[in-house]
Amino acid sequence: MLIPGVVYGIDGTPKLVNRSEFSIPIGGSYSREENNNIYISPNIYTSYNYSIDRKHNFGIMAGFQQELNQFRSLTSSAQDLISFNRPGISLTTTTPTTKESRNEWATRGYFGRLSYNFREKYLIELNGRYDGSSRFSPNNRWGFFPSMSVGYNIAKENFMKNVTFVNNLKIRGSYGMLGNQSGAGLYSYIQTMGISVLGTNGSGPSWFFQNGREAIIYAPAPFNQSTTWEKVLTKNIGLDFDLFAYKLSGSLDIYQRETRDMLGPTFDIADLFGGAVPASNNANLRTNGWELMLAYRNRIGNDINYSITGVISDNVTVITKYENPTFTDPAGSWYVGKKVGEIWGYRASGLIQTQEEADAFNQLDHSYISPVAWKPGDVRYVDLNNDGKIDRGNNRLGDMRDLTIIGNTSPRYAYSFTGNIEWKGLSLSIMFQGIGKRHYAPGVGDVYFWGSGALAQVTVFSQHLDYWTPGNPNAYYPNPYSAPVGSIGSFVNKTQQVSDRYLQNAAYVRLKNATIGYSLPREVIQRIKLSKVHLYVSGENLLTFTKLAKIFDPETLVGVGGTTTGKIYPLTQVYSLGINIGL
């Protein structure tokens, strides 16, 4: 007779065991997951060049490229492990839950190029791509994207032979189109039904049935079979030159890039439609920009060689087509004529210093921002239209009342500077880079900037200690309100609105790299039978000059008043010491 609860050996005799191994822990769970990732990308191309009398030069290139991505995942999990020492799906007291995922996409493209030049004086090149994507329906899957470029090397003309200081002078232009499919979902052209099941962490449907929580298959959402390629059309005019025996060289490009058929909102329909209207290819934007590069290289005497290179560029992007006929919510949505990166905010005239100033401000209707009365230390927002209210009006372009454009997050005037100098084996190279104009606007809930707010997120740095008190009336920061999430909103809304007072200048210049090296003399390394010995010391991110708040790194600045700002680890300074040896 076997006694319940006793473990027996093979011979039938009772066996002593570690009781904890067979105890049932509370809340323990176990899961297993299988993945099957496959990515295949063949790229096949061939080219042929032919010349007639060294005058007429022809080139042809053709190729094929394909991508196939497959992702499969199978996960099984269960709760209440019987044994932590021998975990397994079957060693649990609950019914296992199984989930699976499938994710597959593919692209296929054919491309070709024809080129011709006459004595490297007149140049023409024709390109074409025929691309298909699994993200679109069969009727909209393929797109042809042509491009062409022409060039004219003036320096090759006979009348330029006597202009000895000009080594190269080329005018060029291009016109072309490329396709972009990244904005479309994997299955945007077909109806899909979402499935919700109870997970091991308790997630799943939010209601109960007779037998407990059960799986749900949601009704299919509206879809758009006509979704197709986004098209990027680029027009460019450029100039390349080399002067004074190639000592001075440079290039200038002026371009316009139009992005057409972007996915945007469809026209408004009645609310009784009962579903979210799918996106359509009906949005356009235009970018105008330029880029200038100058380089100079020379030597001093027989021992010193040096070079200097500078690059600067700028562009502005404007929305030219968007389905927002009423120009609603210009601060948070696109509209025709909007410059990408616009920052809408309030004007502020400083911090309230006395109770009399607070009483005067409280005569305004500020209920749109906060129903709580203002007090000394709060931000004084300006009633721009003098209507006795602080609000955003009807939230339409032309009727934003006290909200106005105060800046732009788009980086302007990106530049870099590189310098090198060599002298008798010693070398020094430096590189600076930066942005000439950019704004960042912290808003409500940007806890890394304000240093106050919901207690679960507050992080206080030394600069946050410069906050308003009667003894510190010229402080930078306003009243530091902090409280649990549910009760903090009305208070931080008084001080943390996007405003010009706290608009940050995010322009910067950074010493990105500096390297000092020394190459041993040839007569020394030949004795040890080596061809090269080069020692160097290098540093990265050595110096940064910016007016941005010190708690942020200008290169890793993310978001505009969002919770992601500051949550990326800043770039670190890196020092390295090395040696290159050539045999």
Protein backbone atom coordinates (compact mmCIF):
# COMPACT_ATOMS: atom_id res chain seq x y z
CA MET A 1 0.00 0.00 0.00
CA LEU A 2 1.38 3.38 -1.02
CA ILE A 3 1.04 6.26 1.38
CA PRO A 4 -0.05 9.57 -0.23
CA GLY A 5 2.61 12.31 -0.07
CA VAL A 6 5.54 9.87 0.26
CA VAL A 7 8.07 9.48 -2.55
CA TYR A 8 9.10 5.90 -3.36
CA GLY A 9 12.21 4.61 -5.07
CA ILE A 10 12.35 2.09 -7.90
CA ASP A 11 12.49 -0.78 -5.43
CA GLY A 12 9.30 0.41 -3.75
CA THR A 13 10.88 1.63 -0.52
CA PRO A 14 10.19 5.14 0.87
CA LYS A 15 12.85 7.72 -0.11
CA LEU A 16 13.96 10.84 1.78
CA VAL A 17 13.97 13.96 -0.35
CA ASN A 18 14.54 17.66 0.03
CA ARG A 19 11.08 18.91 0.90
CA SER A 20 11.74 22.40 -0.49
CA GLU A 21 12.25 20.91 -3.93
CA PHE A 22 8.67 19.71 -3.97
CA SER A 23 7.07 22.71 -2.33
CA ILE A 24 4.83 24.89 -4.47
CA PRO A 25 6.15 28.46 -4.48
CA ILE A 26 3.68 31.30 -4.82
CA GLY A 27 3.92 33.43 -7.93
CA GLY A 28 6.79 31.57 -9.54
CA SER A 29 6.58 31.30 -13.33
CA TYR A 30 8.50 29.63 -16.13
CA SER A 31 8.57 30.29 -19.83
CA ARG A 32 10.36 28.99 -22.89
CA GLU A 33 10.72 30.73 -26.20
CA GLU A 34 11.83 29.59 -29.62
CA ASN A 35 12.92 31.98 -32.35
CA ASN A 36 13.59 31.29 -35.98
CA ASN A 37 15.14 34.32 -37.69
CA ILE A 38 16.02 34.11 -41.37
CA TYR A 39 17.34 37.00 -43.46
CA ILE A 40 18.41 36.43 -47.07
CA SER A 41 19.76 39.21 -49.28
CA PRO A 42 21.29 38.20 -52.61
CA ASN A 43 22.81 41.08 -54.57
CA ILE A 44 23.92 40.31 -58.10
CA TYR A 45 25.20 42.84 -60.62
CA THR A 46 27.52 43.11 -63.59
CA SER A 47 29.09 45.97 -65.51
CA TYR A 48 30.78 46.55 -68.85
CA ASN A 49 32.85 49.51 -70.06
CA TYR A 50 33.78 50.31 -73.65
CA SER A 51 35.81 53.11 -75.22
CA ILE A 52 36.06 54.30 -78.84
CA ASP A 53 39.32 56.04 -79.74
CA ARG A 54 39.66 57.07 -76.10
CA LYS A 55 37.11 59.76 -76.81
CA HIS A 56 33.72 58.16 -76.45
CA ASN A 57 33.46 56.20 -73.21
CA PHE A 58 30.43 54.02 -72.53
CA GLY A 59 29.40 52.11 -69.45
CA ILE A 60 26.55 49.80 -68.63
CA MET A 61 25.58 48.15 -65.37
CA ALA A 62 22.64 45.88 -64.50
CA GLY A 63 21.73 44.07 -61.34
CA PHE A 64 19.22 42.31 -59.17
CA GLN A 65 18.70 42.62 -55.43
CA GLN A 66 16.26 40.90 -53.09
CA GLU A 67 15.57 40.76 -49.38
CA LEU A 68 13.60 38.16 -47.49
CA ASN A 69 13.02 38.49 -43.78
CA GLN A 70 11.23 35.83 -41.76
CA PHE A 71 10.64 35.91 -38.04
CA ARG A 72 8.87 33.22 -36.09
CA SER A 73 8.47 33.05 -32.34
CA LEU A 74 6.78 30.41 -30.19
CA THR A 75 6.49 31.06 -26.47
CA SER A 76 5.01 28.83 -23.79
CA SER A 77 4.67 29.90 -20.17
CA ALA A 78 3.03 28.77 -16.96
CA GLN A 79 2.82 29.99 -13.39
CA ASP A 80 3.32 28.44 -9.94
CA LEU A 81 6.43 26.33 -10.38
CA ILE A 82 6.57 23.09 -8.43
CA SER A 83 10.36 23.13 -8.41
CA PHE A 84 12.76 26.00 -8.84
CA ASN A 85 15.63 23.53 -9.18
CA ARG A 86 13.96 21.65 -12.04
CA PRO A 87 11.97 24.31 -13.88
CA GLY A 88 9.78 23.19 -16.73
CA ILE A 89 6.46 23.91 -18.38
CA SER A 90 4.96 20.63 -17.14
CA LEU A 91 6.20 21.21 -13.57
CA THR A 92 3.60 23.88 -12.80
CA THR A 93 0.14 23.87 -11.31
CA THR A 94 -1.54 26.16 -13.87
CA THR A 95 -2.56 25.62 -17.46
CA PRO A 96 0.28 26.63 -19.82
CA THR A 97 -0.24 29.60 -22.13
CA THR A 98 1.20 29.47 -25.63
CA LYS A 99 1.78 32.42 -27.91
CA GLU A 100 3.24 32.68 -31.38
CA SER A 101 4.36 35.47 -33.64
CA ARG A 102 5.01 35.55 -37.36
CA ASN A 103 6.62 38.42 -39.15
CA GLU A 104 7.62 38.27 -42.79
CA TRP A 105 8.45 40.86 -45.42
CA ALA A 106 10.25 40.85 -48.72
CA THR A 107 11.54 43.27 -51.34
CA ARG A 108 12.78 42.70 -54.86
CA GLY A 109 14.48 45.13 -57.19
CA TYR A 110 16.00 45.35 -60.63
CA PHE A 111 18.37 48.20 -61.38
CA GLY A 112 20.47 49.45 -64.23
CA ARG A 113 22.73 52.28 -65.34
CA LEU A 114 23.88 53.70 -68.67
CA SER A 115 26.71 56.20 -68.74
CA TYR A 116 28.57 58.12 -71.43
CA ASN A 117 31.30 60.73 -71.43
CA PHE A 118 33.19 62.43 -74.22
CA ARG A 119 36.83 62.95 -73.27
CA GLU A 120 35.65 63.40 -69.67
CA LYS A 121 34.25 66.72 -70.79
CA TYR A 122 30.57 65.99 -71.29
CA LEU A 123 29.05 63.39 -69.02
CA ILE A 124 25.59 61.84 -68.81
CA GLU A 125 24.27 59.03 -66.70
CA LEU A 126 20.84 57.35 -66.72
CA ASN A 127 19.67 55.17 -63.84
CA GLY A 128 16.54 53.18 -63.20
CA ARG A 129 15.14 50.97 -60.46
CA TYR A 130 12.10 48.73 -60.60
CA ASP A 131 11.24 47.78 -57.02
CA GLY A 132 8.54 45.66 -55.44
CA SER A 133 7.52 45.34 -51.80
CA SER A 134 5.38 42.83 -49.97
CA ARG A 135 3.92 45.69 -47.92
CA PHE A 136 1.63 46.67 -50.79
CA SER A 137 -1.15 44.89 -52.67
CA PRO A 138 -0.29 43.14 -55.97
CA ASN A 139 -1.81 46.01 -57.96
CA ASN A 140 0.33 48.61 -56.17
CA ARG A 141 3.39 46.56 -55.32
CA TRP A 142 5.79 47.68 -58.02
CA GLY A 143 7.22 51.07 -58.79
CA PHE A 144 9.68 52.42 -61.35
CA PHE A 145 12.09 55.06 -60.10
CA PRO A 146 14.26 56.73 -62.75
CA SER A 147 17.04 59.27 -62.36
CA MET A 148 19.57 61.05 -64.52
CA SER A 149 22.59 63.26 -64.08
CA VAL A 150 24.66 65.40 -66.44
CA GLY A 151 28.01 67.09 -66.06
CA TYR A 152 30.14 69.55 -67.97
CA ASN A 153 33.85 69.83 -67.17
CA ILE A 154 34.71 73.33 -68.34
CA ALA A 155 38.40 72.82 -67.49
CA LYS A 156 38.67 70.39 -70.41
CA GLU A 157 37.77 73.05 -72.98
CA ASN A 158 40.52 74.47 -75.20
CA PHE A 159 39.87 78.04 -74.10
CA MET A 160 40.74 77.02 -70.51
CA LYS A 161 44.22 75.72 -71.33
CA ASN A 162 45.80 79.09 -70.66
CA VAL A 163 44.00 79.47 -67.32
CA THR A 164 46.70 77.58 -65.47
CA PHE A 165 45.37 78.01 -61.94
CA VAL A 166 42.19 76.05 -62.80
CA ASN A 167 42.74 72.29 -62.68
CA ASN A 168 39.15 71.18 -62.58
CA LEU A 169 35.85 73.03 -62.99
CA LYS A 170 32.75 70.93 -63.36
CA ILE A 171 29.11 71.94 -63.44
CA ARG A 172 26.64 69.14 -62.79
CA GLY A 173 22.97 68.57 -62.33
CA SER A 174 20.75 65.67 -61.40
CA TYR A 175 17.08 64.79 -61.34
CA GLY A 176 15.85 61.56 -59.85
CA MET A 177 13.30 59.65 -57.87
CA LEU A 178 13.53 56.94 -55.23
CA GLY A 179 10.86 54.92 -53.47
CA ASN A 180 10.30 54.55 -49.74
CA GLN A 181 8.15 51.84 -48.20
CA SER A 182 9.18 52.08 -44.55
CA GLY A 183 6.12 54.07 -43.45
CA ALA A 184 3.64 51.35 -44.46
CA GLY A 185 2.71 48.47 -42.18
CA LEU A 186 3.64 44.92 -43.09
CA TYR A 187 0.04 44.12 -44.02
CA SER A 188 -1.52 47.54 -44.49
CA TYR A 189 -3.41 46.49 -47.65
CA ILE A 190 -5.41 43.62 -46.12
CA GLN A 191 -7.87 43.25 -43.27
CA THR A 192 -6.34 41.91 -40.09
CA MET A 193 -7.93 40.84 -36.84
CA GLY A 194 -6.12 41.30 -33.56
CA ILE A 195 -6.05 38.52 -30.98
CA SER A 196 -5.89 39.14 -27.25
CA VAL A 197 -5.16 36.35 -24.77
CA LEU A 198 -4.32 36.25 -21.09
CA GLY A 199 -0.58 36.49 -20.58
CA THR A 200 1.57 35.25 -17.74
CA ASN A 201 1.78 38.78 -16.34
CA GLY A 202 -2.00 39.09 -16.14
CA SER A 203 -2.34 41.19 -19.28
CA GLY A 204 -5.13 40.50 -21.72
CA PRO A 205 -8.86 41.20 -22.05
CA SER A 206 -10.29 43.68 -19.59
CA TRP A 207 -13.53 41.85 -18.93
CA PHE A 208 -14.56 38.43 -17.59
CA PHE A 209 -16.72 35.62 -18.91
CA GLN A 210 -18.38 32.78 -17.12
CA ASN A 211 -15.30 30.58 -17.25
CA GLY A 212 -12.89 33.35 -16.44
CA ARG A 213 -10.88 35.51 -18.76
CA GLU A 214 -10.96 34.25 -22.33
CA ALA A 215 -9.29 35.03 -25.63
CA ILE A 216 -10.74 37.74 -27.85
CA ILE A 217 -10.57 38.14 -31.61
CA TYR A 218 -11.24 41.75 -32.46
CA ALA A 219 -13.33 42.90 -35.41
CA PRO A 220 -11.19 43.71 -38.47
CA ALA A 221 -10.15 47.34 -38.73
CA PRO A 222 -10.67 49.43 -41.87
CA PHE A 223 -7.85 49.15 -44.37
CA ASN A 224 -6.66 50.76 -47.58
CA GLN A 225 -5.84 48.51 -50.54
CA SER A 226 -4.39 51.44 -52.49
CA THR A 227 -1.44 52.06 -50.16
CA THR A 228 1.70 52.29 -52.28
CA TRP A 229 5.23 53.69 -52.50
CA GLU A 230 6.24 57.02 -51.07
CA LYS A 231 8.27 58.86 -53.71
CA VAL A 232 11.26 61.09 -53.04
CA LEU A 233 12.07 63.40 -55.95
CA THR A 234 15.41 65.22 -55.80
CA LYS A 235 16.70 68.03 -58.01
CA ASN A 236 20.29 69.16 -57.61
CA ILE A 237 22.70 71.64 -59.18
CA GLY A 238 26.35 71.43 -58.20
CA LEU A 239 29.80 72.86 -58.85
CA ASP A 240 33.13 71.08 -58.26
CA PHE A 241 36.49 72.81 -58.58
CA ASP A 242 40.21 72.29 -57.99
CA LEU A 243 42.50 75.32 -58.16
CA PHE A 244 46.18 76.23 -57.81
CA ALA A 245 47.66 72.80 -58.56
CA TYR A 246 44.90 71.09 -56.59
CA LYS A 247 45.79 72.97 -53.42
CA LEU A 248 42.32 74.50 -53.11
CA SER A 249 39.29 72.33 -53.85
CA GLY A 250 35.63 72.48 -53.07
CA SER A 251 32.08 71.82 -54.06
CA LEU A 252 28.75 73.60 -53.83
CA ASP A 253 25.37 71.87 -54.02
CA ILE A 254 21.94 73.47 -54.12
CA TYR A 255 19.07 71.03 -54.00
CA GLN A 256 15.35 70.61 -53.64
CA ARG A 257 13.85 67.39 -52.36
CA GLU A 258 10.14 66.70 -52.63
CA THR A 259 8.60 63.81 -50.75
CA ARG A 260 5.34 62.87 -52.39
CA ASP A 261 2.55 60.45 -51.55
CA MET A 262 3.47 60.15 -47.89
CA LEU A 263 0.99 58.33 -45.71
CA GLY A 264 -1.31 60.87 -44.06
CA PRO A 265 -4.85 61.10 -42.69
CA THR A 266 -7.76 60.53 -45.06
CA PHE A 267 -10.50 63.13 -45.39
CA ASP A 268 -12.87 63.48 -42.45
CA ILE A 269 -15.88 61.18 -42.35
CA ALA A 270 -18.85 60.88 -39.99
CA ASP A 271 -18.15 59.64 -36.47
CA LEU A 272 -20.78 56.93 -36.88
CA PHE A 273 -18.39 55.18 -39.30
CA GLY A 274 -17.29 53.18 -36.28
CA GLY A 275 -13.60 52.75 -36.98
CA ALA A 276 -10.28 54.50 -37.44
CA VAL A 277 -9.92 55.72 -41.02
CA PRO A 278 -6.79 54.19 -42.62
CA ALA A 279 -3.99 56.37 -43.90
CA SER A 280 -3.67 57.29 -47.57
CA ASN A 281 -0.84 58.43 -49.83
CA ASN A 282 -1.94 62.06 -49.81
CA ALA A 283 0.75 64.12 -48.02
CA ASN A 284 3.70 66.03 -49.51
CA LEU A 285 6.59 68.05 -48.18
CA ARG A 286 9.44 70.00 -49.77
CA THR A 287 13.00 70.53 -48.53
CA ASN A 288 15.24 73.27 -49.91
CA GLY A 289 18.89 73.16 -48.94
CA TRP A 290 22.51 73.70 -49.82
CA GLU A 291 25.93 72.37 -48.88
CA LEU A 292 29.39 73.93 -49.25
CA MET A 293 32.74 72.16 -48.87
CA LEU A 294 36.16 73.82 -49.03
CA ALA A 295 39.54 72.14 -48.60
CA TYR A 296 43.06 73.54 -48.73
CA ARG A 297 46.29 71.57 -48.62
CA ASN A 298 49.86 72.85 -48.88
CA ARG A 299 53.30 72.59 -47.39
CA ILE A 300 55.76 74.92 -45.69
CA GLY A 301 59.32 74.26 -46.73
CA ASN A 302 60.22 70.61 -47.11
CA ASP A 303 59.12 69.37 -43.71
CA ILE A 304 55.65 70.70 -42.89
CA ASN A 305 52.51 69.44 -44.63
CA TYR A 306 49.06 70.60 -43.62
CA SER A 307 45.43 70.49 -44.75
CA ILE A 308 42.22 72.20 -43.70
CA THR A 309 38.68 71.09 -44.64
CA GLY A 310 35.40 72.75 -43.78
CA VAL A 311 31.83 71.68 -44.54
CA ILE A 312 28.60 73.58 -43.85
CA SER A 313 25.03 72.81 -44.91
CA ASP A 314 21.51 74.00 -44.25
CA ASN A 315 17.96 73.06 -45.22
CA VAL A 316 14.36 73.96 -44.43
CA THR A 317 11.39 71.60 -44.82
CA VAL A 318 7.85 72.85 -45.46
CA ILE A 319 4.58 70.90 -45.69
CA THR A 320 3.03 71.41 -49.14
CA LYS A 321 0.05 69.03 -48.96
CA TYR A 322 -1.82 67.59 -45.99
CA GLU A 323 -5.39 66.64 -45.20
CA ASN A 324 -6.11 69.29 -42.57
CA PRO A 325 -8.42 71.77 -44.35
CA THR A 326 -9.44 73.50 -41.11
CA PHE A 327 -5.79 73.96 -40.00
CA THR A 328 -6.70 72.42 -36.64
CA ASP A 329 -4.07 71.92 -33.92
CA PRO A 330 -1.14 73.61 -35.70
CA ALA A 331 1.12 72.96 -32.71
CA GLY A 332 0.62 69.19 -32.77
CA SER A 333 -0.37 68.42 -36.35
CA TRP A 334 0.79 69.20 -39.85
CA TYR A 335 -0.82 71.80 -42.07
CA VAL A 336 -0.01 73.25 -45.47
CA GLY A 337 2.75 75.84 -45.06
CA LYS A 338 4.07 74.53 -41.75
CA LYS A 339 7.83 74.43 -41.28
CA VAL A 340 8.83 71.07 -39.87
CA GLY A 341 10.01 71.43 -36.28
CA GLU A 342 7.89 74.44 -35.29
CA ILE A 343 7.67 75.03 -31.54
CA TRP A 344 4.46 76.66 -30.34
CA GLY A 345 4.50 78.14 -26.87
CA TYR A 346 3.59 81.04 -24.62
CA ARG A 347 5.44 84.28 -24.11
CA ALA A 348 6.53 84.74 -20.49
CA SER A 349 7.48 87.98 -18.76
CA GLY A 350 9.40 86.44 -15.88
CA LEU A 351 8.45 85.02 -12.50
CA ILE A 352 5.83 86.52 -10.23
CA GLN A 353 7.67 88.17 -7.33
CA THR A 354 5.01 89.43 -4.92
CA GLN A 355 1.50 88.54 -3.81
CA GLU A 356 0.27 91.77 -5.42
CA GLU A 357 1.64 90.60 -8.78
CA ALA A 358 0.03 87.20 -8.23
CA ASP A 359 -3.34 88.83 -7.43
CA ALA A 360 -3.12 90.89 -10.61
CA PHE A 361 -2.37 87.80 -12.73
CA ASN A 362 -5.21 85.88 -11.08
CA GLN A 363 -7.63 88.46 -12.45
CA LEU A 364 -7.06 86.76 -15.82
CA ASP A 365 -8.98 83.64 -16.76
CA HIS A 366 -6.18 81.07 -16.61
CA SER A 367 -8.44 78.04 -16.14
CA TYR A 368 -7.32 76.57 -19.48
CA ILE A 369 -3.83 76.11 -18.03
CA SER A 370 -4.70 75.47 -14.39
CA PRO A 371 -7.58 76.26 -12.01
CA VAL A 372 -5.14 76.71 -9.13
CA ALA A 373 -4.34 80.31 -8.20
CA TRP A 374 -0.91 81.66 -9.13
CA LYS A 375 1.44 82.70 -6.32
CA PRO A 376 4.93 84.21 -6.07
CA GLY A 377 7.46 82.05 -7.86
CA ASP A 378 5.08 80.95 -10.63
CA VAL A 379 5.62 81.85 -14.30
CA ARG A 380 3.82 84.94 -15.60
CA TYR A 381 2.45 84.10 -19.07
CA VAL A 382 1.59 86.98 -21.39
CA ASP A 383 -1.95 87.64 -22.61
CA LEU A 384 -0.89 88.35 -26.18
CA ASN A 385 -4.32 89.30 -27.55
CA ASN A 386 -5.41 91.21 -24.41
CA ASP A 387 -8.74 89.36 -24.07
CA GLY A 388 -8.35 88.67 -20.34
CA LYS A 389 -7.63 84.96 -20.89
CA ILE A 390 -4.58 82.74 -21.17
CA ASP A 391 -5.54 80.02 -23.64
CA ARG A 392 -5.11 78.71 -27.19
CA GLY A 393 -8.42 79.94 -28.61
CA ASN A 394 -10.12 77.59 -31.04
CA ASN A 395 -6.83 75.76 -31.61
CA ARG A 396 -6.76 76.63 -35.29
CA LEU A 397 -4.17 78.48 -37.29
CA GLY A 398 -5.04 82.16 -37.07
CA ASP A 399 -6.96 81.68 -33.81
CA MET A 400 -4.34 80.44 -31.34
CA ARG A 401 -4.67 83.59 -29.16
CA ASP A 402 -1.80 83.37 -26.68
CA LEU A 403 0.13 80.52 -28.32
CA THR A 404 2.67 81.53 -30.94
CA ILE A 405 5.70 80.11 -32.74
CA ILE A 406 8.72 80.63 -30.49
CA GLY A 407 11.36 78.39 -32.11
CA ASN A 408 12.15 75.33 -34.19
CA THR A 409 13.68 71.97 -33.33
CA SER A 410 15.13 71.34 -36.80
CA PRO A 411 18.94 71.60 -36.84
CA ARG A 412 20.23 74.42 -39.03
CA TYR A 413 23.73 75.20 -40.31
CA ALA A 414 25.37 71.85 -39.60
CA TYR A 415 29.13 72.22 -39.94
CA SER A 416 32.41 70.44 -39.41
CA PHE A 417 36.05 71.48 -39.49
CA THR A 418 39.02 69.14 -39.90
CA GLY A 419 42.69 70.07 -39.70
CA ASN A 420 45.87 68.01 -40.12
CA ILE A 421 49.55 68.94 -39.83
CA GLU A 422 52.69 66.80 -40.12
CA TRP A 423 56.30 67.64 -39.30
CA LYS A 424 59.19 65.21 -39.31
CA GLY A 425 57.11 62.23 -38.22
CA LEU A 426 54.97 64.16 -35.77
CA SER A 427 51.30 64.59 -36.70
CA LEU A 428 48.28 66.31 -35.25
CA SER A 429 44.69 66.02 -36.46
CA ILE A 430 41.57 67.60 -35.02
CA MET A 431 37.91 67.59 -35.95
CA PHE A 432 35.22 69.96 -34.74
CA GLN A 433 31.54 69.54 -35.53
CA GLY A 434 28.42 71.39 -34.53
CA ILE A 435 25.00 72.83 -35.22
CA GLY A 436 24.65 76.59 -35.70
CA LYS A 437 20.97 76.94 -34.84
CA ARG A 438 18.49 74.71 -33.05
CA HIS A 439 15.94 75.04 -30.26
CA TYR A 440 14.67 72.72 -27.60
CA ALA A 441 11.55 73.47 -25.57
CA PRO A 442 10.98 71.59 -22.30
CA GLY A 443 7.33 71.14 -21.44
CA VAL A 444 5.08 69.75 -18.74
CA GLY A 445 6.48 66.52 -17.33
CA ASP A 446 10.02 66.97 -18.64
CA VAL A 447 11.38 65.99 -15.23
CA TYR A 448 15.04 65.94 -16.22
CA PHE A 449 14.88 69.61 -17.12
CA TRP A 450 12.62 70.89 -14.34
CA GLY A 451 13.91 68.74 -11.48
CA SER A 452 10.39 68.67 -10.01
CA GLY A 453 7.08 67.05 -10.77
CA ALA A 454 5.65 63.59 -10.20
CA LEU A 455 7.64 62.03 -7.36
CA ALA A 456 8.17 58.76 -9.23
CA GLN A 457 10.25 60.58 -11.85
CA VAL A 458 11.97 63.47 -10.07
CA THR A 459 15.74 63.67 -10.52
CA VAL A 460 17.43 66.72 -8.96
CA PHE A 461 20.74 68.04 -10.29
CA SER A 462 22.78 70.90 -8.88
CA GLN A 463 21.46 73.43 -11.39
CA HIS A 464 17.90 72.77 -10.16
CA LEU A 465 18.83 74.33 -6.83
CA ASP A 466 18.60 77.76 -8.45
CA TYR A 467 14.82 77.94 -7.88
CA TRP A 468 12.68 80.85 -6.75
CA THR A 469 12.42 81.80 -3.10
CA PRO A 470 11.85 85.22 -1.52
CA GLY A 471 15.59 85.26 -0.85
CA ASN A 472 16.43 84.27 -4.43
CA PRO A 473 14.11 86.42 -6.56
CA ASN A 474 16.37 86.30 -9.64
CA ALA A 475 16.34 82.51 -9.81
CA TYR A 476 16.19 80.71 -13.14
CA TYR A 477 13.75 77.98 -12.12
CA PRO A 478 10.20 78.63 -10.84
CA ASN A 479 8.47 77.07 -7.83
CA PRO A 480 9.52 73.38 -7.64
CA TYR A 481 6.18 71.63 -7.17
CA SER A 482 6.39 67.90 -6.42
CA ALA A 483 3.67 65.44 -5.44
CA PRO A 484 2.26 62.06 -6.46
CA VAL A 485 1.18 61.75 -10.08
CA GLY A 486 -2.54 62.11 -9.48
CA SER A 487 -2.31 65.47 -7.75
CA ILE A 488 0.63 67.22 -9.39
CA GLY A 489 -0.83 68.21 -12.76
CA SER A 490 -2.62 71.42 -11.81
CA PHE A 491 0.48 72.75 -10.06
CA VAL A 492 3.21 72.00 -12.61
CA ASN A 493 0.89 73.32 -15.34
CA LYS A 494 1.46 76.77 -13.81
CA THR A 495 5.22 76.62 -14.26
CA GLN A 496 6.13 74.05 -16.93
CA GLN A 497 4.26 75.22 -20.01
CA VAL A 498 6.32 75.53 -23.19
CA SER A 499 7.41 79.17 -23.16
CA ASP A 500 10.11 81.43 -24.53
CA ARG A 501 11.54 81.95 -21.03
CA TYR A 502 12.75 78.35 -20.92
CA LEU A 503 13.37 77.87 -24.63
CA GLN A 504 16.80 76.25 -24.90
CA ASN A 505 19.49 77.17 -27.39
CA ALA A 506 20.61 73.70 -28.51
CA ALA A 507 23.33 74.91 -30.90
CA TYR A 508 26.76 73.56 -30.09
CA VAL A 509 30.32 73.02 -31.25
CA ARG A 510 32.25 69.95 -30.11
CA LEU A 511 35.85 68.86 -30.42
CA LYS A 512 34.91 65.47 -31.72
CA ASN A 513 38.39 64.04 -32.10
CA ALA A 514 42.02 64.98 -31.58
CA THR A 515 44.93 62.69 -32.36
CA ILE A 516 48.65 63.16 -31.85
CA GLY A 517 50.96 60.67 -33.53
CA TYR A 518 54.59 59.97 -34.20
CA SER A 519 56.11 57.75 -36.89
CA LEU A 520 59.58 56.44 -36.21
CA PRO A 521 62.18 57.46 -38.81
CA ARG A 522 62.64 55.05 -41.70
CA GLU A 523 66.32 54.44 -40.93
CA VAL A 524 65.35 53.29 -37.43
CA ILE A 525 62.57 50.89 -38.36
CA GLN A 526 64.60 49.38 -41.20
CA ARG A 527 67.13 48.19 -38.65
CA ILE A 528 64.43 46.10 -36.99
CA LYS A 529 63.09 45.00 -40.38
CA LEU A 530 59.76 46.79 -40.17
CA SER A 531 58.10 49.03 -42.73
CA LYS A 532 56.13 51.22 -40.33
CA VAL A 533 55.91 52.03 -36.62
CA HIS A 534 53.38 54.70 -35.68
CA LEU A 535 52.51 55.67 -32.11
CA TYR A 536 49.40 57.72 -31.35
CA VAL A 537 47.27 59.17 -28.57
CA SER A 538 43.64 59.94 -29.40
CA GLY A 539 40.67 61.47 -27.64
CA GLU A 540 36.99 61.75 -28.55
CA ASN A 541 34.32 64.21 -27.37
CA LEU A 542 36.97 66.25 -25.58
CA LEU A 543 35.30 69.68 -25.43
CA THR A 544 31.73 70.88 -25.93
CA PHE A 545 30.58 74.49 -26.09
CA THR A 546 26.82 75.03 -25.82
CA LYS A 547 24.24 77.14 -24.03
CA LEU A 548 21.98 74.12 -23.59
CA ALA A 549 21.17 73.07 -20.03
CA LYS A 550 24.15 71.09 -18.73
CA ILE A 551 22.04 68.05 -17.89
CA PHE A 552 21.55 67.35 -21.61
CA ASP A 553 23.96 66.29 -24.32
CA PRO A 554 23.30 68.29 -27.53
CA GLU A 555 23.99 65.27 -29.75
CA THR A 556 21.64 62.92 -27.90
CA LEU A 557 18.81 65.36 -27.33
CA VAL A 558 15.57 63.46 -28.02
CA GLY A 559 11.99 64.62 -28.13
CA VAL A 560 10.43 68.00 -27.56
CA GLY A 561 9.08 68.22 -24.04
CA GLY A 562 8.57 64.43 -23.99
CA THR A 563 9.45 61.88 -21.37
CA THR A 564 12.26 60.49 -23.51
CA THR A 565 14.34 63.66 -23.20
CA GLY A 566 17.50 63.07 -21.21
CA LYS A 567 16.96 59.34 -20.87
CA ILE A 568 19.74 58.52 -23.31
CA TYR A 569 23.18 58.15 -21.80
CA PRO A 570 25.31 61.13 -22.88
CA LEU A 571 28.30 60.68 -25.15
CA THR A 572 31.39 59.89 -23.12
CA GLN A 573 34.95 61.06 -23.45
CA VAL A 574 37.17 58.31 -24.81
CA TYR A 575 40.96 58.26 -24.64
CA SER A 576 43.07 55.71 -26.46
CA LEU A 577 46.75 54.93 -26.86
CA GLY A 578 47.95 52.72 -29.68
CA ILE A 579 50.67 51.62 -32.02
CA ASN A 580 50.51 50.61 -35.67
CA ILE A 581 53.22 48.26 -36.88
CA GLY A 582 53.78 47.34 -40.50
CA LEU A 583 55.92 44.33 -41.43
